Amino acid sequence: MSDIKLFRYANNSASELAGKSAAIERTLQRLIESQMETFLGVRFLATEYSTGAKHRGRIDSLGLDENGCPVIIEYKRHSNENVINQGLFYLDWLLDHKADFRLLVMDTLGKDEADRIEWNGTRLLCIAADFTRYDEHAVAQINRNIELIRYKLFGEDLLLLELVNGASAASTQSVAEVDEPVSEKPAKTPAASTLAMKTHADQMATASPELLALFEQTRSFILAQGDDIIEKPLKLYVAFRRLKNFACMSLISRQDPHVFLMLKLDPAIVELENGFTRDVTNIGHWGTGDLEVVLRKPGDFEKAKALIERAYQEN
């Protein structure tokens, strides 16, 4: 159960702002959908999406996240409504109707985005005023990408979103999986051709022990920033997020072996160092974030620590 309090402090006095839930569920849904990318890092696709005459359901919101993963969002005003079971029903439906979702993405965001869908990262976001300890326990036992997000409204213009759980399944599979061609296009633009023919798993399999040790050292440091971090291995990189990505990481195992990070930091306020950090705002690259950090040796990792901490704190 949450007991978050918000105070307004001014002129040497403080007053508590009363938190509340939405008067009706639809109000919360419209608010989230209107600014979905800002709140959750998810591009809006559809509202009240029908699952057809056979399943007779309506998915509250559908979207595509910054890693190209399908996202189902279900809302409930209170904690006593079974939003998790309802969301699981829609999650299974979606993974059994990939063609319908792909067509929706193509119509809304274009063919390139539809070709880059990361099905193994398909997510269910349950947004409610609160969750019980039984909800958290149930999600921990289910090997699915389910995130519980607690919300609270303060006054007329403040919305609090709190990630309740930090677990993520290794992959999401449909019972009736349909084989589909795998796209090797990058997550942002096709200019980053260095990794065009190799997935993240390929790079890991051919990396030297020294490079793997540097990768694991960096990964461990990222995860140590907080217990609210969700780590998600994807086809081309590993994403680290809270509500939204703050870092992405992979490696190049041949020619110029190195670990590379993409951090969500404004390169304009970072002192760039040739061969170590680079502004890739207008350059095609894997992952999300505009600051590229290249790690070739343990000393580079030591320099990168402060940037990783900043990316976590500022996102």
C-alpha atoms as a PDB file:
ATOM      1  CA  MET A   1       0.000   0.000   0.000  1.00  0.00           C
ATOM      2  CA  SER A   2       1.245   3.469  -0.845  1.00  0.00           C
ATOM      3  CA  ASP A   3       1.469   6.405   1.522  1.00  0.00           C
ATOM      4  CA  ILE A   4       3.078   9.038  -0.698  1.00  0.00           C
ATOM      5  CA  LYS A   5       2.576  12.616   0.449  1.00  0.00           C
ATOM      6  CA  LEU A   6       3.166  15.784  -1.545  1.00  0.00           C
ATOM      7  CA  PHE A   7       3.786  19.166   0.058  1.00  0.00           C
ATOM      8  CA  ARG A   8       3.920  22.709  -1.268  1.00  0.00           C
ATOM      9  CA  TYR A   9       6.690  24.688   0.394  1.00  0.00           C
ATOM     10  CA  ALA A  10       6.869  28.491   0.104  1.00  0.00           C
ATOM     11  CA  ASN A  11       7.556  31.504   2.309  1.00  0.00           C
ATOM     12  CA  ASN A  12       8.837  29.346   5.180  1.00  0.00           C
ATOM     13  CA  SER A  13       5.582  27.421   5.439  1.00  0.00           C
ATOM     14  CA  ALA A  14       4.416  24.060   4.115  1.00  0.00           C
ATOM     15  CA  SER A  15       0.997  22.679   3.254  1.00  0.00           C
ATOM     16  CA  GLU A  16       0.061  19.159   2.235  1.00  0.00           C
ATOM     17  CA  LEU A  17      -1.682  18.620  -1.107  1.00  0.00           C
ATOM     18  CA  ALA A  18      -4.509  16.111  -0.864  1.00  0.00           C
ATOM     19  CA  GLY A  19      -4.132  13.173  -3.219  1.00  0.00           C
ATOM     20  CA  LYS A  20      -7.109  11.575  -4.913  1.00  0.00           C
ATOM     21  CA  SER A  21      -8.043   9.024  -7.554  1.00  0.00           C
ATOM     22  CA  ALA A  22      -9.879   9.863 -10.760  1.00  0.00           C
ATOM     23  CA  ALA A  23     -13.621  10.354 -10.401  1.00  0.00           C
ATOM     24  CA  ILE A  24     -14.210   8.011 -13.334  1.00  0.00           C
ATOM     25  CA  GLU A  25     -11.834   5.554 -15.016  1.00  0.00           C
ATOM     26  CA  ARG A  26     -12.266   7.170 -18.421  1.00  0.00           C
ATOM     27  CA  THR A  27     -10.854  10.460 -17.091  1.00  0.00           C
ATOM     28  CA  LEU A  28      -7.603   8.745 -16.134  1.00  0.00           C
ATOM     29  CA  GLN A  29      -7.464   6.932 -19.461  1.00  0.00           C
ATOM     30  CA  ARG A  30      -7.891  10.122 -21.490  1.00  0.00           C
ATOM     31  CA  LEU A  31      -5.225  11.893 -19.438  1.00  0.00           C
ATOM     32  CA  ILE A  32      -2.651   9.124 -19.985  1.00  0.00           C
ATOM     33  CA  GLU A  33      -3.478   8.739 -23.668  1.00  0.00           C
ATOM     34  CA  SER A  34      -3.135  12.479 -24.299  1.00  0.00           C
ATOM     35  CA  GLN A  35       0.501  12.491 -23.103  1.00  0.00           C
ATOM     36  CA  MET A  36       1.419   8.807 -23.289  1.00  0.00           C
ATOM     37  CA  GLU A  37       4.896   9.279 -24.746  1.00  0.00           C
ATOM     38  CA  THR A  38       5.802  11.871 -22.104  1.00  0.00           C
ATOM     39  CA  PHE A  39       4.435   9.836 -19.196  1.00  0.00           C
ATOM     40  CA  LEU A  40       5.436   6.318 -20.235  1.00  0.00           C
ATOM     41  CA  GLY A  41       7.712   6.483 -23.279  1.00  0.00           C
ATOM     42  CA  VAL A  42       4.951   4.783 -25.295  1.00  0.00           C
ATOM     43  CA  ARG A  43       3.611   5.984 -28.631  1.00  0.00           C
ATOM     44  CA  PHE A  44      -0.188   5.947 -28.682  1.00  0.00           C
ATOM     45  CA  LEU A  45      -1.855   3.654 -31.224  1.00  0.00           C
ATOM     46  CA  ALA A  46      -5.483   3.048 -30.274  1.00  0.00           C
ATOM     47  CA  THR A  47      -8.084   3.440 -27.537  1.00  0.00           C
ATOM     48  CA  GLU A  48     -10.852   0.959 -26.653  1.00  0.00           C
ATOM     49  CA  TYR A  49      -9.451  -1.465 -29.222  1.00  0.00           C
ATOM     50  CA  SER A  50     -11.954  -4.239 -29.988  1.00  0.00           C
ATOM     51  CA  THR A  51     -10.784  -7.865 -29.790  1.00  0.00           C
ATOM     52  CA  GLY A  52     -13.604  -8.974 -32.070  1.00  0.00           C
ATOM     53  CA  ALA A  53     -16.961 -10.702 -31.762  1.00  0.00           C
ATOM     54  CA  LYS A  54     -15.480 -13.991 -30.490  1.00  0.00           C
ATOM     55  CA  HIS A  55     -13.461 -12.580 -27.569  1.00  0.00           C
ATOM     56  CA  ARG A  56     -15.876  -9.683 -26.918  1.00  0.00           C
ATOM     57  CA  GLY A  57     -13.347  -7.444 -25.238  1.00  0.00           C
ATOM     58  CA  ARG A  58     -11.948  -3.930 -25.507  1.00  0.00           C
ATOM     59  CA  ILE A  59      -8.324  -3.134 -24.703  1.00  0.00           C
ATOM     60  CA  ASP A  60      -8.203   0.213 -22.904  1.00  0.00           C
ATOM     61  CA  SER A  61      -5.076   1.532 -24.676  1.00  0.00           C
ATOM     62  CA  LEU A  62      -2.607   0.110 -27.181  1.00  0.00           C
ATOM     63  CA  GLY A  63       0.833   1.538 -27.876  1.00  0.00           C
ATOM     64  CA  LEU A  64       4.373   0.860 -29.041  1.00  0.00           C
ATOM     65  CA  ASP A  65       7.214   1.674 -26.669  1.00  0.00           C
ATOM     66  CA  GLU A  66      10.571   3.272 -27.445  1.00  0.00           C
ATOM     67  CA  ASN A  67      12.140  -0.170 -27.957  1.00  0.00           C
ATOM     68  CA  GLY A  68       9.515  -1.196 -30.504  1.00  0.00           C
ATOM     69  CA  CYS A  69       7.669  -3.466 -28.034  1.00  0.00           C
ATOM     70  CA  PRO A  70       3.842  -3.709 -28.083  1.00  0.00           C
ATOM     71  CA  VAL A  71       2.205  -2.285 -24.960  1.00  0.00           C
ATOM     72  CA  ILE A  72      -1.245  -2.950 -23.518  1.00  0.00           C
ATOM     73  CA  ILE A  73      -2.441  -0.512 -20.855  1.00  0.00           C
ATOM     74  CA  GLU A  74      -5.350  -1.271 -18.541  1.00  0.00           C
ATOM     75  CA  TYR A  75      -6.698   1.253 -16.028  1.00  0.00           C
ATOM     76  CA  LYS A  76      -8.620   0.885 -12.777  1.00  0.00           C
ATOM     77  CA  ARG A  77      -9.657   3.618 -10.345  1.00  0.00           C
ATOM     78  CA  HIS A  78      -9.288   1.482  -7.235  1.00  0.00           C
ATOM     79  CA  SER A  79      -7.141  -1.393  -5.969  1.00  0.00           C
ATOM     80  CA  ASN A  80      -9.947  -3.912  -5.559  1.00  0.00           C
ATOM     81  CA  GLU A  81     -10.638  -4.367  -9.270  1.00  0.00           C
ATOM     82  CA  ASN A  82      -9.016  -7.317 -11.032  1.00  0.00           C
ATOM     83  CA  VAL A  83      -7.010  -5.397 -13.606  1.00  0.00           C
ATOM     84  CA  ILE A  84      -4.196  -7.987 -13.768  1.00  0.00           C
ATOM     85  CA  ASN A  85      -6.352 -10.935 -14.881  1.00  0.00           C
ATOM     86  CA  GLN A  86      -8.130  -8.784 -17.427  1.00  0.00           C
ATOM     87  CA  GLY A  87      -4.810  -7.542 -18.775  1.00  0.00           C
ATOM     88  CA  LEU A  88      -3.422 -11.091 -19.036  1.00  0.00           C
ATOM     89  CA  PHE A  89      -6.417 -12.088 -21.147  1.00  0.00           C
ATOM     90  CA  TYR A  90      -5.691  -9.247 -23.567  1.00  0.00           C
ATOM     91  CA  LEU A  91      -1.942  -9.985 -23.543  1.00  0.00           C
ATOM     92  CA  ASP A  92      -2.561 -13.552 -24.715  1.00  0.00           C
ATOM     93  CA  TRP A  93      -5.033 -12.303 -27.300  1.00  0.00           C
ATOM     94  CA  LEU A  94      -2.519  -9.824 -28.711  1.00  0.00           C
ATOM     95  CA  LEU A  95       0.258 -12.412 -29.037  1.00  0.00           C
ATOM     96  CA  ASP A  96      -2.190 -14.654 -30.872  1.00  0.00           C
ATOM     97  CA  HIS A  97      -3.198 -11.818 -33.254  1.00  0.00           C
ATOM     98  CA  LYS A  98       0.143 -10.364 -34.274  1.00  0.00           C
ATOM     99  CA  ALA A  99      -1.006  -9.596 -37.804  1.00  0.00           C
ATOM    100  CA  ASP A 100      -3.792  -7.328 -36.525  1.00  0.00           C
ATOM    101  CA  PHE A 101      -1.366  -5.389 -34.323  1.00  0.00           C
ATOM    102  CA  ARG A 102       1.230  -5.135 -37.088  1.00  0.00           C
ATOM    103  CA  LEU A 103      -1.396  -3.681 -39.418  1.00  0.00           C
ATOM    104  CA  LEU A 104      -2.370  -1.140 -36.742  1.00  0.00           C
ATOM    105  CA  VAL A 105       1.270  -0.068 -36.363  1.00  0.00           C
ATOM    106  CA  MET A 106       1.711   0.141 -40.124  1.00  0.00           C
ATOM    107  CA  ASP A 107      -1.395   2.308 -40.528  1.00  0.00           C
ATOM    108  CA  THR A 108      -0.447   4.579 -37.613  1.00  0.00           C
ATOM    109  CA  LEU A 109       3.362   4.793 -37.626  1.00  0.00           C
ATOM    110  CA  GLY A 110       4.388   3.345 -41.008  1.00  0.00           C
ATOM    111  CA  LYS A 111       5.889   0.153 -42.426  1.00  0.00           C
ATOM    112  CA  ASP A 112       9.385   0.697 -41.004  1.00  0.00           C
ATOM    113  CA  GLU A 113       8.045   0.729 -37.441  1.00  0.00           C
ATOM    114  CA  ALA A 114       5.886  -2.313 -38.155  1.00  0.00           C
ATOM    115  CA  ASP A 115       8.963  -4.207 -39.401  1.00  0.00           C
ATOM    116  CA  ARG A 116      10.841  -3.418 -36.178  1.00  0.00           C
ATOM    117  CA  ILE A 117       8.288  -4.754 -33.675  1.00  0.00           C
ATOM    118  CA  GLU A 118      10.002  -6.578 -30.760  1.00  0.00           C
ATOM    119  CA  TRP A 119       7.422  -9.223 -29.902  1.00  0.00           C
ATOM    120  CA  ASN A 120       9.461 -10.794 -27.084  1.00  0.00           C
ATOM    121  CA  GLY A 121       9.233  -7.524 -25.181  1.00  0.00           C
ATOM    122  CA  THR A 122       5.421  -7.249 -25.310  1.00  0.00           C
ATOM    123  CA  ARG A 123       4.309  -5.528 -22.089  1.00  0.00           C
ATOM    124  CA  LEU A 124       1.216  -5.163 -19.941  1.00  0.00           C
ATOM    125  CA  LEU A 125       0.956  -1.965 -17.874  1.00  0.00           C
ATOM    126  CA  CYS A 126      -1.670  -1.961 -15.140  1.00  0.00           C
ATOM    127  CA  ILE A 127      -2.383   1.535 -13.827  1.00  0.00           C
ATOM    128  CA  ALA A 128      -4.462   1.821 -10.665  1.00  0.00           C
ATOM    129  CA  ALA A 129      -4.850   3.987  -7.570  1.00  0.00           C
ATOM    130  CA  ASP A 130      -3.167   1.251  -5.533  1.00  0.00           C
ATOM    131  CA  PHE A 131      -2.233  -2.424  -5.485  1.00  0.00           C
ATOM    132  CA  THR A 132      -2.312  -4.976  -2.690  1.00  0.00           C
ATOM    133  CA  ARG A 133       0.624  -7.119  -1.606  1.00  0.00           C
ATOM    134  CA  TYR A 134      -1.246 -10.041  -3.204  1.00  0.00           C
ATOM    135  CA  ASP A 135      -1.161  -8.256  -6.562  1.00  0.00           C
ATOM    136  CA  GLU A 136       2.601  -7.769  -6.273  1.00  0.00           C
ATOM    137  CA  HIS A 137       3.117 -11.384  -5.247  1.00  0.00           C
ATOM    138  CA  ALA A 138       0.978 -12.672  -8.120  1.00  0.00           C
ATOM    139  CA  VAL A 139       2.909 -10.671 -10.708  1.00  0.00           C
ATOM    140  CA  ALA A 140       6.217 -11.906  -9.266  1.00  0.00           C
ATOM    141  CA  GLN A 141       5.092 -15.503  -9.836  1.00  0.00           C
ATOM    142  CA  ILE A 142       4.005 -14.960 -13.450  1.00  0.00           C
ATOM    143  CA  ASN A 143       6.763 -15.089 -16.051  1.00  0.00           C
ATOM    144  CA  ARG A 144       5.293 -12.226 -18.061  1.00  0.00           C
ATOM    145  CA  ASN A 145       6.198  -8.590 -18.691  1.00  0.00           C
ATOM    146  CA  ILE A 146       3.683  -7.038 -16.295  1.00  0.00           C
ATOM    147  CA  GLU A 147       4.287  -3.655 -14.692  1.00  0.00           C
ATOM    148  CA  LEU A 148       2.135  -2.267 -11.910  1.00  0.00           C
ATOM    149  CA  ILE A 149       1.969   1.526 -11.902  1.00  0.00           C
ATOM    150  CA  ARG A 150       0.340   3.405  -9.045  1.00  0.00           C
ATOM    151  CA  TYR A 151      -1.149   6.823  -9.774  1.00  0.00           C
ATOM    152  CA  LYS A 152      -2.391   9.702  -7.677  1.00  0.00           C
ATOM    153  CA  LEU A 153      -3.831  13.076  -8.665  1.00  0.00           C
ATOM    154  CA  PHE A 154      -2.910  16.212  -6.723  1.00  0.00           C
ATOM    155  CA  GLY A 155      -4.865  19.405  -7.239  1.00  0.00           C
ATOM    156  CA  GLU A 156      -5.891  20.202 -10.799  1.00  0.00           C
ATOM    157  CA  ASP A 157      -2.603  19.762 -12.630  1.00  0.00           C
ATOM    158  CA  LEU A 158      -0.330  17.257 -10.864  1.00  0.00           C
ATOM    159  CA  LEU A 159      -0.133  13.548 -11.667  1.00  0.00           C
ATOM    160  CA  LEU A 160       2.082  11.113  -9.761  1.00  0.00           C
ATOM    161  CA  LEU A 161       3.094   7.819 -11.417  1.00  0.00           C
ATOM    162  CA  GLU A 162       5.002   5.277  -9.319  1.00  0.00           C
ATOM    163  CA  LEU A 163       6.403   1.989 -10.633  1.00  0.00           C
ATOM    164  CA  VAL A 164       5.469  -0.632  -8.046  1.00  0.00           C
ATOM    165  CA  ASN A 165       7.377  -3.663  -9.312  1.00  0.00           C
ATOM    166  CA  GLY A 166      10.736  -3.986 -11.063  1.00  0.00           C
ATOM    167  CA  ALA A 167      10.525  -7.490 -12.565  1.00  0.00           C
ATOM    168  CA  SER A 168      10.548  -8.464 -16.235  1.00  0.00           C
ATOM    169  CA  ALA A 169      10.238 -11.794 -18.023  1.00  0.00           C
ATOM    170  CA  ALA A 170      13.132 -12.959 -20.172  1.00  0.00           C
ATOM    171  CA  SER A 171      10.749 -13.185 -23.107  1.00  0.00           C
ATOM    172  CA  THR A 172       7.061 -13.238 -23.920  1.00  0.00           C
ATOM    173  CA  GLN A 173       5.792 -16.116 -26.015  1.00  0.00           C
ATOM    174  CA  SER A 174       2.385 -16.870 -27.412  1.00  0.00           C
ATOM    175  CA  VAL A 175       0.923 -20.344 -27.064  1.00  0.00           C
ATOM    176  CA  ALA A 176       0.051 -20.260 -30.742  1.00  0.00           C
ATOM    177  CA  GLU A 177       3.168 -18.471 -31.977  1.00  0.00           C
ATOM    178  CA  VAL A 178       3.293 -17.784 -35.716  1.00  0.00           C
ATOM    179  CA  ASP A 179       6.745 -17.734 -37.291  1.00  0.00           C
ATOM    180  CA  GLU A 180       7.538 -14.364 -38.801  1.00  0.00           C
ATOM    181  CA  PRO A 181      10.496 -12.975 -40.715  1.00  0.00           C
ATOM    182  CA  VAL A 182      13.011 -11.280 -38.419  1.00  0.00           C
ATOM    183  CA  SER A 183      13.877  -7.698 -39.266  1.00  0.00           C
ATOM    184  CA  GLU A 184      17.452  -6.575 -38.673  1.00  0.00           C
ATOM    185  CA  LYS A 185      16.636  -2.875 -38.825  1.00  0.00           C
ATOM    186  CA  PRO A 186      17.904  -0.730 -35.947  1.00  0.00           C
ATOM    187  CA  ALA A 187      15.647   0.769 -33.351  1.00  0.00           C
ATOM    188  CA  LYS A 188      16.138   4.331 -34.528  1.00  0.00           C
ATOM    189  CA  THR A 189      17.512   4.884 -38.044  1.00  0.00           C
ATOM    190  CA  PRO A 190      19.316   2.544 -40.467  1.00  0.00           C
ATOM    191  CA  ALA A 191      22.594   4.451 -40.509  1.00  0.00           C
ATOM    192  CA  ALA A 192      24.259   2.340 -37.825  1.00  0.00           C
ATOM    193  CA  SER A 193      25.385  -0.477 -40.125  1.00  0.00           C
ATOM    194  CA  THR A 194      28.185  -1.873 -37.925  1.00  0.00           C
ATOM    195  CA  LEU A 195      25.822  -4.290 -36.206  1.00  0.00           C
ATOM    196  CA  ALA A 196      23.508  -4.835 -39.164  1.00  0.00           C
ATOM    197  CA  MET A 197      24.104  -8.570 -39.430  1.00  0.00           C
ATOM    198  CA  LYS A 198      24.591  -9.431 -35.741  1.00  0.00           C
ATOM    199  CA  THR A 199      22.150  -9.480 -32.863  1.00  0.00           C
ATOM    200  CA  HIS A 200      23.102  -8.699 -29.282  1.00  0.00           C
ATOM    201  CA  ALA A 201      23.229 -12.440 -28.530  1.00  0.00           C
ATOM    202  CA  ASP A 202      25.582 -12.964 -31.492  1.00  0.00           C
ATOM    203  CA  GLN A 203      27.916 -10.263 -30.214  1.00  0.00           C
ATOM    204  CA  MET A 204      27.921 -11.735 -26.705  1.00  0.00           C
ATOM    205  CA  ALA A 205      28.674 -15.224 -28.043  1.00  0.00           C
ATOM    206  CA  THR A 206      31.817 -14.075 -29.899  1.00  0.00           C
ATOM    207  CA  ALA A 207      33.149 -11.516 -27.389  1.00  0.00           C
ATOM    208  CA  SER A 208      36.414 -11.999 -25.518  1.00  0.00           C
ATOM    209  CA  PRO A 209      36.376 -12.797 -21.778  1.00  0.00           C
ATOM    210  CA  GLU A 210      37.783  -9.328 -21.078  1.00  0.00           C
ATOM    211  CA  LEU A 211      35.007  -7.615 -23.042  1.00  0.00           C
ATOM    212  CA  LEU A 212      32.326  -9.757 -21.393  1.00  0.00           C
ATOM    213  CA  ALA A 213      33.746  -8.863 -17.980  1.00  0.00           C
ATOM    214  CA  LEU A 214      33.567  -5.142 -18.846  1.00  0.00           C
ATOM    215  CA  PHE A 215      29.988  -5.580 -20.073  1.00  0.00           C
ATOM    216  CA  GLU A 216      28.946  -7.379 -16.878  1.00  0.00           C
ATOM    217  CA  GLN A 217      30.695  -4.826 -14.669  1.00  0.00           C
ATOM    218  CA  THR A 218      28.797  -2.010 -16.390  1.00  0.00           C
ATOM    219  CA  ARG A 219      25.518  -3.911 -16.278  1.00  0.00           C
ATOM    220  CA  SER A 220      25.882  -4.568 -12.546  1.00  0.00           C
ATOM    221  CA  PHE A 221      26.592  -0.903 -11.866  1.00  0.00           C
ATOM    222  CA  ILE A 222      23.500   0.165 -13.810  1.00  0.00           C
ATOM    223  CA  LEU A 223      21.255  -2.256 -11.890  1.00  0.00           C
ATOM    224  CA  ALA A 224      22.748  -1.125  -8.576  1.00  0.00           C
ATOM    225  CA  GLN A 225      21.337   2.383  -9.097  1.00  0.00           C
ATOM    226  CA  GLY A 226      17.932   1.366  -7.718  1.00  0.00           C
ATOM    227  CA  ASP A 227      15.522  -1.496  -7.146  1.00  0.00           C
ATOM    228  CA  ASP A 228      12.981   0.069  -9.511  1.00  0.00           C
ATOM    229  CA  ILE A 229      15.053  -0.749 -12.624  1.00  0.00           C
ATOM    230  CA  ILE A 230      13.673  -3.148 -15.209  1.00  0.00           C
ATOM    231  CA  GLU A 231      16.268  -4.821 -17.429  1.00  0.00           C
ATOM    232  CA  LYS A 232      15.010  -5.999 -20.814  1.00  0.00           C
ATOM    233  CA  PRO A 233      17.236  -7.914 -23.273  1.00  0.00           C
ATOM    234  CA  LEU A 234      16.118  -7.153 -26.820  1.00  0.00           C
ATOM    235  CA  LYS A 235      17.278  -8.311 -30.210  1.00  0.00           C
ATOM    236  CA  LEU A 236      19.905  -5.622 -30.714  1.00  0.00           C
ATOM    237  CA  TYR A 237      20.632  -4.319 -27.215  1.00  0.00           C
ATOM    238  CA  VAL A 238      19.671  -4.469 -23.545  1.00  0.00           C
ATOM    239  CA  ALA A 239      17.341  -1.716 -22.330  1.00  0.00           C
ATOM    240  CA  PHE A 240      17.304  -0.457 -18.737  1.00  0.00           C
ATOM    241  CA  ARG A 241      14.226   1.483 -17.706  1.00  0.00           C
ATOM    242  CA  ARG A 242      12.199   2.773 -14.828  1.00  0.00           C
ATOM    243  CA  LEU A 243       8.930   4.005 -16.314  1.00  0.00           C
ATOM    244  CA  LYS A 244      10.974   4.864 -19.432  1.00  0.00           C
ATOM    245  CA  ASN A 245      14.407   3.918 -20.743  1.00  0.00           C
ATOM    246  CA  PHE A 246      17.370   5.707 -19.227  1.00  0.00           C
ATOM    247  CA  ALA A 247      20.140   3.529 -20.714  1.00  0.00           C
ATOM    248  CA  CYS A 248      20.698   0.968 -23.469  1.00  0.00           C
ATOM    249  CA  MET A 249      23.774  -1.218 -23.803  1.00  0.00           C
ATOM    250  CA  SER A 250      25.371  -3.698 -26.197  1.00  0.00           C
ATOM    251  CA  LEU A 251      28.837  -4.480 -27.504  1.00  0.00           C
ATOM    252  CA  ILE A 252      30.885  -4.975 -30.648  1.00  0.00           C
ATOM    253  CA  SER A 253      33.050  -8.074 -30.410  1.00  0.00           C
ATOM    254  CA  ARG A 254      35.250  -7.785 -33.538  1.00  0.00           C
ATOM    255  CA  GLN A 255      37.522  -5.222 -35.278  1.00  0.00           C
ATOM    256  CA  ASP A 256      37.274  -2.517 -32.582  1.00  0.00           C
ATOM    257  CA  PRO A 257      35.929  -4.462 -29.574  1.00  0.00           C
ATOM    258  CA  HIS A 258      34.043  -2.264 -27.118  1.00  0.00           C
ATOM    259  CA  VAL A 259      30.967  -1.933 -24.958  1.00  0.00           C
ATOM    260  CA  PHE A 260      28.715   0.944 -25.919  1.00  0.00           C
ATOM    261  CA  LEU A 261      26.075   2.754 -23.924  1.00  0.00           C
ATOM    262  CA  MET A 262      23.262   4.993 -25.110  1.00  0.00           C
ATOM    263  CA  LEU A 263      22.245   7.298 -22.272  1.00  0.00           C
ATOM    264  CA  LYS A 264      19.271   9.626 -22.049  1.00  0.00           C
ATOM    265  CA  LEU A 265      21.278  12.734 -21.324  1.00  0.00           C
ATOM    266  CA  ASP A 266      21.436  15.980 -23.242  1.00  0.00           C
ATOM    267  CA  PRO A 267      24.856  15.918 -24.982  1.00  0.00           C
ATOM    268  CA  ALA A 268      24.862  19.724 -24.886  1.00  0.00           C
ATOM    269  CA  ILE A 269      25.369  19.681 -21.110  1.00  0.00           C
ATOM    270  CA  VAL A 270      28.030  16.941 -21.141  1.00  0.00           C
ATOM    271  CA  GLU A 271      31.715  17.628 -21.703  1.00  0.00           C
ATOM    272  CA  LEU A 272      32.329  15.394 -24.723  1.00  0.00           C
ATOM    273  CA  GLU A 273      35.610  13.515 -25.002  1.00  0.00           C
ATOM    274  CA  ASN A 274      36.832  12.259 -28.379  1.00  0.00           C
ATOM    275  CA  GLY A 275      36.730   8.448 -28.548  1.00  0.00           C
ATOM    276  CA  PHE A 276      34.729   8.175 -25.321  1.00  0.00           C
ATOM    277  CA  THR A 277      31.530  10.215 -25.620  1.00  0.00           C
ATOM    278  CA  ARG A 278      29.672  11.407 -28.704  1.00  0.00           C
ATOM    279  CA  ASP A 279      26.525  13.354 -29.576  1.00  0.00           C
ATOM    280  CA  VAL A 280      24.421  11.044 -31.780  1.00  0.00           C
ATOM    281  CA  THR A 281      21.281  13.180 -31.804  1.00  0.00           C
ATOM    282  CA  ASN A 282      21.262  13.377 -35.591  1.00  0.00           C
ATOM    283  CA  ILE A 283      23.093  10.116 -36.273  1.00  0.00           C
ATOM    284  CA  GLY A 284      21.415   6.749 -36.702  1.00  0.00           C
ATOM    285  CA  HIS A 285      22.103   4.481 -33.722  1.00  0.00           C
ATOM    286  CA  TRP A 286      20.827   1.517 -31.764  1.00  0.00           C
ATOM    287  CA  GLY A 287      18.724   2.038 -28.658  1.00  0.00           C
ATOM    288  CA  THR A 288      17.351   5.235 -27.171  1.00  0.00           C
ATOM    289  CA  GLY A 289      19.190   8.282 -25.920  1.00  0.00           C
ATOM    290  CA  ASP A 290      21.392  10.831 -27.653  1.00  0.00           C
ATOM    291  CA  LEU A 291      24.648  10.389 -25.742  1.00  0.00           C
ATOM    292  CA  GLU A 292      26.882   7.518 -26.868  1.00  0.00           C
ATOM    293  CA  VAL A 293      29.517   6.277 -24.412  1.00  0.00           C
ATOM    294  CA  VAL A 294      32.217   3.847 -25.616  1.00  0.00           C
ATOM    295  CA  LEU A 295      34.003   1.598 -23.104  1.00  0.00           C
ATOM    296  CA  ARG A 296      37.165  -0.179 -24.228  1.00  0.00           C
ATOM    297  CA  LYS A 297      38.933  -0.682 -20.887  1.00  0.00           C
ATOM    298  CA  PRO A 298      38.164  -0.604 -17.150  1.00  0.00           C
ATOM    299  CA  GLY A 299      39.300   3.016 -16.944  1.00  0.00           C
ATOM    300  CA  ASP A 300      36.511   3.994 -19.348  1.00  0.00           C
ATOM    301  CA  PHE A 301      33.986   2.332 -17.060  1.00  0.00           C
ATOM    302  CA  GLU A 302      35.229   4.405 -14.136  1.00  0.00           C
ATOM    303  CA  LYS A 303      34.716   7.586 -16.153  1.00  0.00           C
ATOM    304  CA  ALA A 304      31.255   6.447 -17.255  1.00  0.00           C
ATOM    305  CA  LYS A 305      29.927   5.917 -13.713  1.00  0.00           C
ATOM    306  CA  ALA A 306      28.973   9.557 -13.166  1.00  0.00           C
ATOM    307  CA  LEU A 307      27.141   9.688 -16.513  1.00  0.00           C
ATOM    308  CA  ILE A 308      25.200   6.507 -15.719  1.00  0.00           C
ATOM    309  CA  GLU A 309      24.186   7.925 -12.337  1.00  0.00           C
ATOM    310  CA  ARG A 310      23.018  11.144 -13.983  1.00  0.00           C
ATOM    311  CA  ALA A 311      20.972   9.272 -16.599  1.00  0.00           C
ATOM    312  CA  TYR A 312      19.234   7.266 -13.866  1.00  0.00           C
ATOM    313  CA  GLN A 313      18.534  10.282 -11.660  1.00  0.00           C
ATOM    314  CA  GLU A 314      17.345  12.570 -14.446  1.00  0.00           C
ATOM    315  CA  ASN A 315      14.917  10.059 -15.961  1.00  0.00           C
END
